[in-house]
Amino acid sequence: MALDELKAALPEYARDLKLNLGSVIGNSDLPAQQLWGTVLACAIASRSERLLTELEPQAKAELSAEAYTAAKSAAAVMAMNNVYYRTLHLLSDKEYGTLRAGLRMNIIGNPGVAKVDFELWCLAVSAINGCGQCLDSHEQVLRKAGVERETIQAAFRIAAVLQAVGVTLEAEGRLTAAE
């Protein structure tokens, strides 16, 4: 199983990551589609080739074709939106926020899966990309749809752990190659 291979690949100093990886994926209370869509979107957002290579096959096996595409779409559109909206938030000139974005993001309105699932994936990617404005927006949509805080927390816990695992594996790969 890819999860076991990832845990085995982590160095001993990252023992907490090994335990957390097993917990947030292996013992998740999320329904399979929410879990594996979040895993896939976060693996893409992490930019870690190793993480994506290990987790994508199981995500593909666990997700319908529509959910698989929607999770990839969430990662893609949020890669754009997180940069744009984080920039608006960080600029001191708030007039930019009054301008029309002019960016296509039709997938958000019609993702091909349950809106709640897609919003959860967008929230998790936004956590990795550090966009507070997007985090607030997706969290509010989820809460208005009746999603419990624990479900939302599960998504950003997955994001946090996968990002840390991806960073650690990439760093170890480069450090080992440099030796």
N, C-alpha and C. Protein backbone atom coordinates (compact mmCIF):
# COMPACT_ATOMS: atom_id res chain seq x y z
N MET A 1 0.85 -1.19 0.00
CA MET A 1 0.00 0.00 0.00
C MET A 1 0.88 1.24 0.00
N ALA A 2 0.49 2.23 -0.76
CA ALA A 2 1.27 3.46 -0.90
C ALA A 2 1.47 4.18 0.43
N LEU A 3 0.49 4.12 1.29
CA LEU A 3 0.59 4.79 2.59
C LEU A 3 1.74 4.19 3.40
N ASP A 4 1.85 2.88 3.39
CA ASP A 4 2.94 2.22 4.11
C ASP A 4 4.30 2.56 3.49
N GLU A 5 4.34 2.64 2.17
CA GLU A 5 5.60 3.00 1.50
C GLU A 5 6.01 4.43 1.84
N LEU A 6 5.05 5.33 1.88
CA LEU A 6 5.36 6.72 2.25
C LEU A 6 5.87 6.79 3.68
N LYS A 7 5.21 6.09 4.58
CA LYS A 7 5.66 6.10 5.98
C LYS A 7 7.06 5.53 6.11
N ALA A 8 7.33 4.46 5.38
CA ALA A 8 8.66 3.84 5.43
C ALA A 8 9.73 4.75 4.83
N ALA A 9 9.34 5.58 3.88
CA ALA A 9 10.31 6.48 3.23
C ALA A 9 10.67 7.68 4.10
N LEU A 10 9.85 7.97 5.08
CA LEU A 10 10.12 9.13 5.94
C LEU A 10 11.26 8.82 6.90
N PRO A 11 12.17 9.76 7.10
CA PRO A 11 13.28 9.55 8.04
C PRO A 11 12.77 9.49 9.48
N GLU A 12 13.58 8.93 10.35
CA GLU A 12 13.19 8.75 11.74
C GLU A 12 12.88 10.09 12.43
N TYR A 13 13.58 11.17 12.04
CA TYR A 13 13.30 12.45 12.67
C TYR A 13 11.88 12.96 12.36
N ALA A 14 11.23 12.35 11.36
CA ALA A 14 9.87 12.74 10.99
C ALA A 14 8.85 11.70 11.48
N ARG A 15 9.15 11.08 12.60
CA ARG A 15 8.27 10.04 13.15
C ARG A 15 6.86 10.54 13.36
N ASP A 16 6.72 11.79 13.81
CA ASP A 16 5.38 12.35 14.01
C ASP A 16 4.60 12.37 12.70
N LEU A 17 5.29 12.65 11.61
CA LEU A 17 4.61 12.67 10.30
C LEU A 17 4.13 11.27 9.93
N LYS A 18 4.93 10.25 10.23
CA LYS A 18 4.52 8.87 9.96
C LYS A 18 3.22 8.56 10.70
N LEU A 19 3.18 8.91 11.97
CA LEU A 19 1.99 8.65 12.78
C LEU A 19 0.79 9.45 12.28
N ASN A 20 1.04 10.72 11.97
CA ASN A 20 -0.06 11.57 11.49
C ASN A 20 -0.57 11.13 10.13
N LEU A 21 0.30 10.66 9.27
CA LEU A 21 -0.11 10.19 7.95
C LEU A 21 -1.07 9.01 8.10
N GLY A 22 -0.73 8.09 8.96
CA GLY A 22 -1.61 6.96 9.21
C GLY A 22 -2.94 7.38 9.81
N SER A 23 -2.89 8.39 10.64
CA SER A 23 -4.10 8.87 11.31
C SER A 23 -5.04 9.61 10.37
N VAL A 24 -4.51 10.59 9.63
CA VAL A 24 -5.40 11.44 8.82
C VAL A 24 -5.93 10.75 7.58
N ILE A 25 -5.21 9.73 7.09
CA ILE A 25 -5.71 9.00 5.92
C ILE A 25 -6.23 7.62 6.34
N GLY A 26 -5.42 6.88 7.04
CA GLY A 26 -5.77 5.51 7.40
C GLY A 26 -6.92 5.38 8.38
N ASN A 27 -7.11 6.37 9.23
CA ASN A 27 -8.17 6.32 10.24
C ASN A 27 -9.18 7.45 10.09
N SER A 28 -9.35 7.95 8.89
CA SER A 28 -10.25 9.09 8.67
C SER A 28 -11.71 8.67 8.78
N ASP A 29 -12.51 9.58 9.30
CA ASP A 29 -13.96 9.38 9.36
C ASP A 29 -14.66 9.94 8.12
N LEU A 30 -13.90 10.58 7.24
CA LEU A 30 -14.50 11.14 6.03
C LEU A 30 -15.00 10.02 5.12
N PRO A 31 -16.10 10.25 4.42
CA PRO A 31 -16.51 9.28 3.38
C PRO A 31 -15.40 9.16 2.34
N ALA A 32 -15.33 8.02 1.67
CA ALA A 32 -14.23 7.74 0.74
C ALA A 32 -14.04 8.84 -0.31
N GLN A 33 -15.11 9.34 -0.89
CA GLN A 33 -14.96 10.38 -1.92
C GLN A 33 -14.36 11.66 -1.34
N GLN A 34 -14.83 12.09 -0.19
CA GLN A 34 -14.26 13.29 0.42
C GLN A 34 -12.79 13.06 0.79
N LEU A 35 -12.50 11.91 1.37
CA LEU A 35 -11.13 11.60 1.78
C LEU A 35 -10.19 11.59 0.59
N TRP A 36 -10.49 10.76 -0.41
CA TRP A 36 -9.54 10.57 -1.50
C TRP A 36 -9.50 11.76 -2.46
N GLY A 37 -10.60 12.51 -2.55
CA GLY A 37 -10.56 13.75 -3.32
C GLY A 37 -9.66 14.77 -2.63
N THR A 38 -9.76 14.84 -1.32
CA THR A 38 -8.89 15.73 -0.55
C THR A 38 -7.44 15.29 -0.67
N VAL A 39 -7.19 14.00 -0.57
CA VAL A 39 -5.82 13.48 -0.69
C VAL A 39 -5.24 13.82 -2.07
N LEU A 40 -5.99 13.57 -3.13
CA LEU A 40 -5.49 13.84 -4.47
C LEU A 40 -5.24 15.33 -4.69
N ALA A 41 -6.21 16.17 -4.34
CA ALA A 41 -6.04 17.61 -4.53
C ALA A 41 -4.85 18.13 -3.73
N CYS A 42 -4.68 17.64 -2.52
CA CYS A 42 -3.55 18.08 -1.68
C CYS A 42 -2.22 17.55 -2.19
N ALA A 43 -2.20 16.33 -2.69
CA ALA A 43 -0.96 15.78 -3.25
C ALA A 43 -0.52 16.62 -4.45
N ILE A 44 -1.48 17.03 -5.27
CA ILE A 44 -1.15 17.89 -6.41
C ILE A 44 -0.64 19.24 -5.90
N ALA A 45 -1.37 19.83 -4.96
CA ALA A 45 -1.00 21.16 -4.44
C ALA A 45 0.34 21.15 -3.72
N SER A 46 0.74 20.01 -3.18
CA SER A 46 2.00 19.93 -2.44
C SER A 46 3.22 20.09 -3.35
N ARG A 47 3.01 19.85 -4.64
CA ARG A 47 4.09 19.92 -5.63
C ARG A 47 5.16 18.85 -5.41
N SER A 48 4.86 17.84 -4.63
CA SER A 48 5.80 16.76 -4.36
C SER A 48 5.56 15.63 -5.35
N GLU A 49 6.52 15.39 -6.21
CA GLU A 49 6.40 14.33 -7.19
C GLU A 49 6.22 12.97 -6.50
N ARG A 50 6.99 12.73 -5.46
CA ARG A 50 6.93 11.45 -4.75
C ARG A 50 5.56 11.24 -4.12
N LEU A 51 5.05 12.26 -3.47
CA LEU A 51 3.75 12.16 -2.82
C LEU A 51 2.66 11.87 -3.84
N LEU A 52 2.66 12.59 -4.93
CA LEU A 52 1.65 12.40 -5.97
C LEU A 52 1.79 11.02 -6.61
N THR A 53 3.00 10.61 -6.89
CA THR A 53 3.24 9.30 -7.51
C THR A 53 2.73 8.17 -6.62
N GLU A 54 2.93 8.29 -5.33
CA GLU A 54 2.51 7.24 -4.39
C GLU A 54 1.00 7.23 -4.15
N LEU A 55 0.38 8.41 -4.04
CA LEU A 55 -1.02 8.47 -3.63
C LEU A 55 -2.03 8.49 -4.77
N GLU A 56 -1.61 8.95 -5.94
CA GLU A 56 -2.55 9.08 -7.06
C GLU A 56 -3.20 7.75 -7.47
N PRO A 57 -2.47 6.65 -7.57
CA PRO A 57 -3.13 5.40 -7.99
C PRO A 57 -4.27 4.97 -7.05
N GLN A 58 -4.05 5.10 -5.75
CA GLN A 58 -5.12 4.71 -4.83
C GLN A 58 -6.28 5.70 -4.90
N ALA A 59 -5.97 6.97 -5.04
CA ALA A 59 -7.04 7.96 -5.19
C ALA A 59 -7.87 7.65 -6.43
N LYS A 60 -7.20 7.33 -7.52
CA LYS A 60 -7.90 7.02 -8.77
C LYS A 60 -8.79 5.78 -8.60
N ALA A 61 -8.29 4.80 -7.85
CA ALA A 61 -9.06 3.59 -7.62
C ALA A 61 -10.27 3.83 -6.71
N GLU A 62 -10.14 4.76 -5.79
CA GLU A 62 -11.20 5.03 -4.80
C GLU A 62 -12.27 5.99 -5.32
N LEU A 63 -11.93 6.79 -6.32
CA LEU A 63 -12.82 7.84 -6.81
C LEU A 63 -13.49 7.43 -8.12
N SER A 64 -14.70 7.93 -8.32
CA SER A 64 -15.32 7.79 -9.64
C SER A 64 -14.52 8.64 -10.62
N ALA A 65 -14.70 8.43 -11.89
CA ALA A 65 -14.00 9.23 -12.90
C ALA A 65 -14.34 10.71 -12.74
N GLU A 66 -15.59 11.00 -12.41
CA GLU A 66 -16.01 12.40 -12.23
C GLU A 66 -15.34 13.03 -11.01
N ALA A 67 -15.27 12.28 -9.92
CA ALA A 67 -14.66 12.80 -8.70
C ALA A 67 -13.15 12.97 -8.89
N TYR A 68 -12.52 12.04 -9.58
CA TYR A 68 -11.09 12.12 -9.87
C TYR A 68 -10.78 13.40 -10.64
N THR A 69 -11.56 13.66 -11.68
CA THR A 69 -11.38 14.88 -12.48
C THR A 69 -11.69 16.11 -11.66
N ALA A 70 -12.73 16.07 -10.84
CA ALA A 70 -13.11 17.23 -10.02
C ALA A 70 -12.03 17.56 -8.99
N ALA A 71 -11.42 16.55 -8.40
CA ALA A 71 -10.34 16.80 -7.42
C ALA A 71 -9.15 17.46 -8.10
N LYS A 72 -8.80 16.99 -9.30
CA LYS A 72 -7.72 17.62 -10.05
C LYS A 72 -8.11 19.05 -10.43
N SER A 73 -9.38 19.24 -10.77
CA SER A 73 -9.87 20.58 -11.12
C SER A 73 -9.80 21.52 -9.93
N ALA A 74 -10.12 21.01 -8.74
CA ALA A 74 -10.03 21.83 -7.52
C ALA A 74 -8.61 22.31 -7.31
N ALA A 75 -7.64 21.40 -7.47
CA ALA A 75 -6.23 21.78 -7.31
C ALA A 75 -5.83 22.82 -8.35
N ALA A 76 -6.29 22.65 -9.58
CA ALA A 76 -5.92 23.56 -10.66
C ALA A 76 -6.51 24.96 -10.46
N VAL A 77 -7.80 25.02 -10.22
CA VAL A 77 -8.43 26.34 -10.10
C VAL A 77 -7.96 27.07 -8.84
N MET A 78 -7.70 26.31 -7.77
CA MET A 78 -7.23 26.97 -6.56
C MET A 78 -5.77 27.40 -6.66
N ALA A 79 -4.99 26.74 -7.49
CA ALA A 79 -3.62 27.20 -7.73
C ALA A 79 -3.65 28.63 -8.28
N MET A 80 -4.62 28.91 -9.13
CA MET A 80 -4.80 30.25 -9.68
C MET A 80 -5.46 31.19 -8.66
N ASN A 81 -6.59 30.76 -8.13
CA ASN A 81 -7.35 31.63 -7.22
C ASN A 81 -6.58 31.99 -5.96
N ASN A 82 -5.84 31.04 -5.42
CA ASN A 82 -5.10 31.32 -4.19
C ASN A 82 -4.05 32.40 -4.40
N VAL A 83 -3.40 32.40 -5.53
CA VAL A 83 -2.43 33.47 -5.82
C VAL A 83 -3.16 34.79 -5.99
N TYR A 84 -4.21 34.79 -6.77
CA TYR A 84 -4.94 36.03 -7.04
C TYR A 84 -5.53 36.63 -5.76
N TYR A 85 -6.29 35.84 -5.03
CA TYR A 85 -6.99 36.38 -3.86
C TYR A 85 -6.06 36.63 -2.67
N ARG A 86 -5.02 35.84 -2.55
CA ARG A 86 -4.02 36.13 -1.52
C ARG A 86 -3.33 37.47 -1.82
N THR A 87 -3.07 37.72 -3.08
CA THR A 87 -2.46 38.99 -3.47
C THR A 87 -3.38 40.15 -3.14
N LEU A 88 -4.66 40.03 -3.45
CA LEU A 88 -5.60 41.10 -3.11
C LEU A 88 -5.60 41.37 -1.62
N HIS A 89 -5.55 40.30 -0.85
CA HIS A 89 -5.56 40.43 0.61
C HIS A 89 -4.29 41.11 1.12
N LEU A 90 -3.16 40.80 0.51
CA LEU A 90 -1.88 41.31 1.00
C LEU A 90 -1.57 42.73 0.55
N LEU A 91 -2.14 43.16 -0.57
CA LEU A 91 -1.87 44.51 -1.04
C LEU A 91 -2.49 45.55 -0.11
N SER A 92 -1.78 46.60 0.15
CA SER A 92 -2.33 47.66 1.00
C SER A 92 -3.37 48.49 0.25
N ASP A 93 -3.29 48.55 -1.07
CA ASP A 93 -4.27 49.28 -1.88
C ASP A 93 -5.48 48.38 -2.10
N LYS A 94 -6.52 48.58 -1.34
CA LYS A 94 -7.72 47.72 -1.38
C LYS A 94 -8.58 47.98 -2.61
N GLU A 95 -8.24 48.99 -3.41
CA GLU A 95 -8.99 49.27 -4.64
C GLU A 95 -8.91 48.10 -5.62
N TYR A 96 -7.83 47.32 -5.57
CA TYR A 96 -7.72 46.16 -6.47
C TYR A 96 -8.85 45.17 -6.22
N GLY A 97 -9.33 45.11 -5.00
CA GLY A 97 -10.42 44.22 -4.65
C GLY A 97 -11.75 44.63 -5.26
N THR A 98 -11.85 45.87 -5.72
CA THR A 98 -13.08 46.33 -6.36
C THR A 98 -13.08 46.07 -7.87
N LEU A 99 -11.93 45.70 -8.40
CA LEU A 99 -11.82 45.43 -9.83
C LEU A 99 -12.31 44.02 -10.15
N ARG A 100 -12.89 43.88 -11.34
CA ARG A 100 -13.34 42.57 -11.81
C ARG A 100 -12.14 41.67 -11.98
N ALA A 101 -12.21 40.45 -11.43
CA ALA A 101 -11.08 39.52 -11.52
C ALA A 101 -10.78 39.15 -12.97
N GLY A 102 -11.79 38.90 -13.75
CA GLY A 102 -11.59 38.55 -15.16
C GLY A 102 -10.90 37.20 -15.35
N LEU A 103 -11.05 36.32 -14.39
CA LEU A 103 -10.45 34.99 -14.47
C LEU A 103 -11.56 33.94 -14.54
N ARG A 104 -11.42 33.02 -15.45
CA ARG A 104 -12.42 31.95 -15.58
C ARG A 104 -12.28 30.97 -14.42
N MET A 105 -13.41 30.67 -13.79
CA MET A 105 -13.45 29.68 -12.72
C MET A 105 -14.80 28.99 -12.71
N ASN A 106 -15.27 28.65 -13.91
CA ASN A 106 -16.59 28.02 -14.08
C ASN A 106 -16.71 26.69 -13.34
N ILE A 107 -15.61 25.99 -13.16
CA ILE A 107 -15.63 24.68 -12.50
C ILE A 107 -16.21 24.77 -11.09
N ILE A 108 -16.04 25.90 -10.43
CA ILE A 108 -16.55 26.06 -9.07
C ILE A 108 -18.08 25.97 -9.05
N GLY A 109 -18.72 26.50 -10.08
CA GLY A 109 -20.18 26.46 -10.15
C GLY A 109 -20.74 25.12 -10.58
N ASN A 110 -19.95 24.35 -11.32
CA ASN A 110 -20.42 23.08 -11.84
C ASN A 110 -19.27 22.07 -11.85
N PRO A 111 -18.90 21.55 -10.66
CA PRO A 111 -17.72 20.69 -10.58
C PRO A 111 -17.94 19.24 -11.01
N GLY A 112 -19.18 18.82 -11.21
CA GLY A 112 -19.44 17.44 -11.61
C GLY A 112 -19.56 16.47 -10.44
N VAL A 113 -19.42 16.96 -9.23
CA VAL A 113 -19.60 16.18 -8.00
C VAL A 113 -20.40 17.03 -7.03
N ALA A 114 -20.72 16.45 -5.88
CA ALA A 114 -21.44 17.21 -4.86
C ALA A 114 -20.66 18.48 -4.51
N LYS A 115 -21.36 19.59 -4.47
CA LYS A 115 -20.74 20.89 -4.20
C LYS A 115 -19.94 20.86 -2.90
N VAL A 116 -20.45 20.19 -1.89
CA VAL A 116 -19.77 20.12 -0.59
C VAL A 116 -18.40 19.45 -0.74
N ASP A 117 -18.34 18.39 -1.51
CA ASP A 117 -17.06 17.69 -1.70
C ASP A 117 -16.06 18.61 -2.39
N PHE A 118 -16.49 19.26 -3.45
CA PHE A 118 -15.60 20.14 -4.20
C PHE A 118 -15.12 21.31 -3.32
N GLU A 119 -16.02 21.88 -2.55
CA GLU A 119 -15.65 22.97 -1.65
C GLU A 119 -14.64 22.51 -0.61
N LEU A 120 -14.80 21.30 -0.11
CA LEU A 120 -13.86 20.75 0.87
C LEU A 120 -12.47 20.62 0.25
N TRP A 121 -12.41 20.15 -0.99
CA TRP A 121 -11.13 20.01 -1.68
C TRP A 121 -10.49 21.37 -1.93
N CYS A 122 -11.31 22.35 -2.30
CA CYS A 122 -10.80 23.71 -2.52
C CYS A 122 -10.27 24.30 -1.21
N LEU A 123 -10.96 24.06 -0.12
CA LEU A 123 -10.50 24.54 1.18
C LEU A 123 -9.15 23.93 1.54
N ALA A 124 -9.00 22.63 1.33
CA ALA A 124 -7.75 21.95 1.68
C ALA A 124 -6.59 22.49 0.84
N VAL A 125 -6.80 22.69 -0.45
CA VAL A 125 -5.76 23.25 -1.31
C VAL A 125 -5.43 24.67 -0.87
N SER A 126 -6.44 25.44 -0.49
CA SER A 126 -6.22 26.81 -0.02
C SER A 126 -5.40 26.83 1.25
N ALA A 127 -5.56 25.81 2.09
CA ALA A 127 -4.74 25.72 3.30
C ALA A 127 -3.27 25.53 2.92
N ILE A 128 -3.00 24.66 1.98
CA ILE A 128 -1.62 24.45 1.53
C ILE A 128 -1.05 25.72 0.93
N ASN A 129 -1.85 26.39 0.13
CA ASN A 129 -1.37 27.59 -0.57
C ASN A 129 -1.44 28.86 0.28
N GLY A 130 -1.99 28.77 1.46
CA GLY A 130 -1.98 29.88 2.40
C GLY A 130 -2.81 31.08 2.01
N CYS A 131 -3.99 30.84 1.46
CA CYS A 131 -4.87 31.95 1.08
C CYS A 131 -6.01 32.10 2.09
N GLY A 132 -5.87 33.07 2.95
CA GLY A 132 -6.88 33.30 3.98
C GLY A 132 -8.24 33.66 3.42
N GLN A 133 -8.26 34.45 2.37
CA GLN A 133 -9.53 34.87 1.78
C GLN A 133 -10.28 33.65 1.21
N CYS A 134 -9.56 32.76 0.54
CA CYS A 134 -10.18 31.55 0.00
C CYS A 134 -10.59 30.59 1.11
N LEU A 135 -9.75 30.47 2.14
CA LEU A 135 -10.12 29.63 3.27
C LEU A 135 -11.43 30.10 3.89
N ASP A 136 -11.54 31.39 4.14
CA ASP A 136 -12.77 31.93 4.72
C ASP A 136 -13.97 31.67 3.82
N SER A 137 -13.81 31.92 2.53
CA SER A 137 -14.90 31.76 1.59
C SER A 137 -15.40 30.31 1.54
N HIS A 138 -14.49 29.36 1.39
CA HIS A 138 -14.89 27.95 1.29
C HIS A 138 -15.41 27.42 2.62
N GLU A 139 -14.83 27.86 3.72
CA GLU A 139 -15.32 27.43 5.03
C GLU A 139 -16.75 27.92 5.25
N GLN A 140 -17.04 29.15 4.86
CA GLN A 140 -18.39 29.69 5.03
C GLN A 140 -19.40 28.94 4.18
N VAL A 141 -19.04 28.61 2.94
CA VAL A 141 -19.94 27.84 2.08
C VAL A 141 -20.21 26.47 2.71
N LEU A 142 -19.17 25.83 3.21
CA LEU A 142 -19.33 24.51 3.83
C LEU A 142 -20.19 24.59 5.08
N ARG A 143 -19.95 25.57 5.92
CA ARG A 143 -20.74 25.70 7.16
C ARG A 143 -22.21 25.99 6.83
N LYS A 144 -22.46 26.84 5.82
CA LYS A 144 -23.85 27.14 5.42
C LYS A 144 -24.54 25.89 4.88
N ALA A 145 -23.77 24.97 4.32
CA ALA A 145 -24.33 23.71 3.80
C ALA A 145 -24.51 22.67 4.91
N GLY A 146 -24.17 23.03 6.15
CA GLY A 146 -24.37 22.13 7.28
C GLY A 146 -23.19 21.23 7.59
N VAL A 147 -22.05 21.48 6.97
CA VAL A 147 -20.88 20.65 7.24
C VAL A 147 -20.31 20.99 8.61
N GLU A 148 -20.05 19.98 9.40
CA GLU A 148 -19.54 20.16 10.76
C GLU A 148 -18.09 20.63 10.74
N ARG A 149 -17.72 21.34 11.77
CA ARG A 149 -16.35 21.82 11.90
C ARG A 149 -15.33 20.68 11.89
N GLU A 150 -15.70 19.55 12.46
CA GLU A 150 -14.79 18.41 12.51
C GLU A 150 -14.47 17.88 11.10
N THR A 151 -15.44 17.93 10.21
CA THR A 151 -15.21 17.52 8.82
C THR A 151 -14.28 18.50 8.13
N ILE A 152 -14.50 19.77 8.34
CA ILE A 152 -13.65 20.80 7.76
C ILE A 152 -12.24 20.68 8.32
N GLN A 153 -12.15 20.46 9.62
CA GLN A 153 -10.84 20.29 10.25
C GLN A 153 -10.12 19.07 9.67
N ALA A 154 -10.84 18.00 9.40
CA ALA A 154 -10.22 16.80 8.83
C ALA A 154 -9.55 17.13 7.50
N ALA A 155 -10.19 17.98 6.70
CA ALA A 155 -9.61 18.35 5.40
C ALA A 155 -8.33 19.15 5.57
N PHE A 156 -8.31 20.12 6.48
CA PHE A 156 -7.08 20.88 6.59
C PHE A 156 -6.01 20.15 7.40
N ARG A 157 -6.40 19.14 8.17
CA ARG A 157 -5.40 18.27 8.80
C ARG A 157 -4.71 17.42 7.72
N ILE A 158 -5.49 16.90 6.78
CA ILE A 158 -4.91 16.15 5.66
C ILE A 158 -3.95 17.05 4.89
N ALA A 159 -4.38 18.28 4.61
CA ALA A 159 -3.54 19.23 3.88
C ALA A 159 -2.22 19.47 4.62
N ALA A 160 -2.30 19.68 5.92
CA ALA A 160 -1.10 19.97 6.71
C ALA A 160 -0.13 18.79 6.69
N VAL A 161 -0.65 17.59 6.90
CA VAL A 161 0.21 16.42 6.96
C VAL A 161 0.80 16.11 5.58
N LEU A 162 -0.01 16.14 4.54
CA LEU A 162 0.52 15.83 3.21
C LEU A 162 1.55 16.86 2.77
N GLN A 163 1.32 18.12 3.08
CA GLN A 163 2.32 19.15 2.74
C GLN A 163 3.63 18.86 3.47
N ALA A 164 3.56 18.55 4.74
CA ALA A 164 4.77 18.28 5.52
C ALA A 164 5.48 17.02 5.02
N VAL A 165 4.72 15.99 4.69
CA VAL A 165 5.32 14.76 4.16
C VAL A 165 5.99 15.05 2.82
N GLY A 166 5.31 15.78 1.95
CA GLY A 166 5.88 16.12 0.66
C GLY A 166 7.16 16.92 0.77
N VAL A 167 7.17 17.92 1.64
CA VAL A 167 8.36 18.75 1.84
C VAL A 167 9.50 17.89 2.37
N THR A 168 9.20 17.05 3.34
CA THR A 168 10.24 16.21 3.95
C THR A 168 10.82 15.22 2.94
N LEU A 169 9.97 14.57 2.18
CA LEU A 169 10.45 13.60 1.19
C LEU A 169 11.28 14.27 0.10
N GLU A 170 10.84 15.42 -0.35
CA GLU A 170 11.59 16.15 -1.39
C GLU A 170 12.95 16.59 -0.84
N ALA A 171 12.97 17.10 0.38
CA ALA A 171 14.22 17.54 0.98
C ALA A 171 15.18 16.36 1.16
N GLU A 172 14.67 15.25 1.67
CA GLU A 172 15.51 14.07 1.88
C GLU A 172 16.07 13.55 0.55
N GLY A 173 15.23 13.59 -0.48
CA GLY A 173 15.70 13.15 -1.80
C GLY A 173 16.85 14.00 -2.31
N ARG A 174 16.73 15.30 -2.13
CA ARG A 174 17.81 16.21 -2.57
C ARG A 174 19.05 16.08 -1.71
N LEU A 175 18.86 15.95 -0.40
CA LEU A 175 20.01 15.82 0.50
C LEU A 175 20.75 14.52 0.26
N THR A 176 20.02 13.46 0.02
CA THR A 176 20.64 12.16 -0.24
C THR A 176 21.39 12.20 -1.57
N ALA A 177 20.82 12.85 -2.57
CA ALA A 177 21.47 12.96 -3.88
C ALA A 177 22.75 13.79 -3.81
N ALA A 178 22.77 14.76 -2.88
CA ALA A 178 23.92 15.64 -2.75
C ALA A 178 25.09 14.97 -2.02
N GLU A 179 24.82 13.89 -1.32
CA GLU A 179 25.88 13.21 -0.55
C GLU A 179 26.83 12.43 -1.42
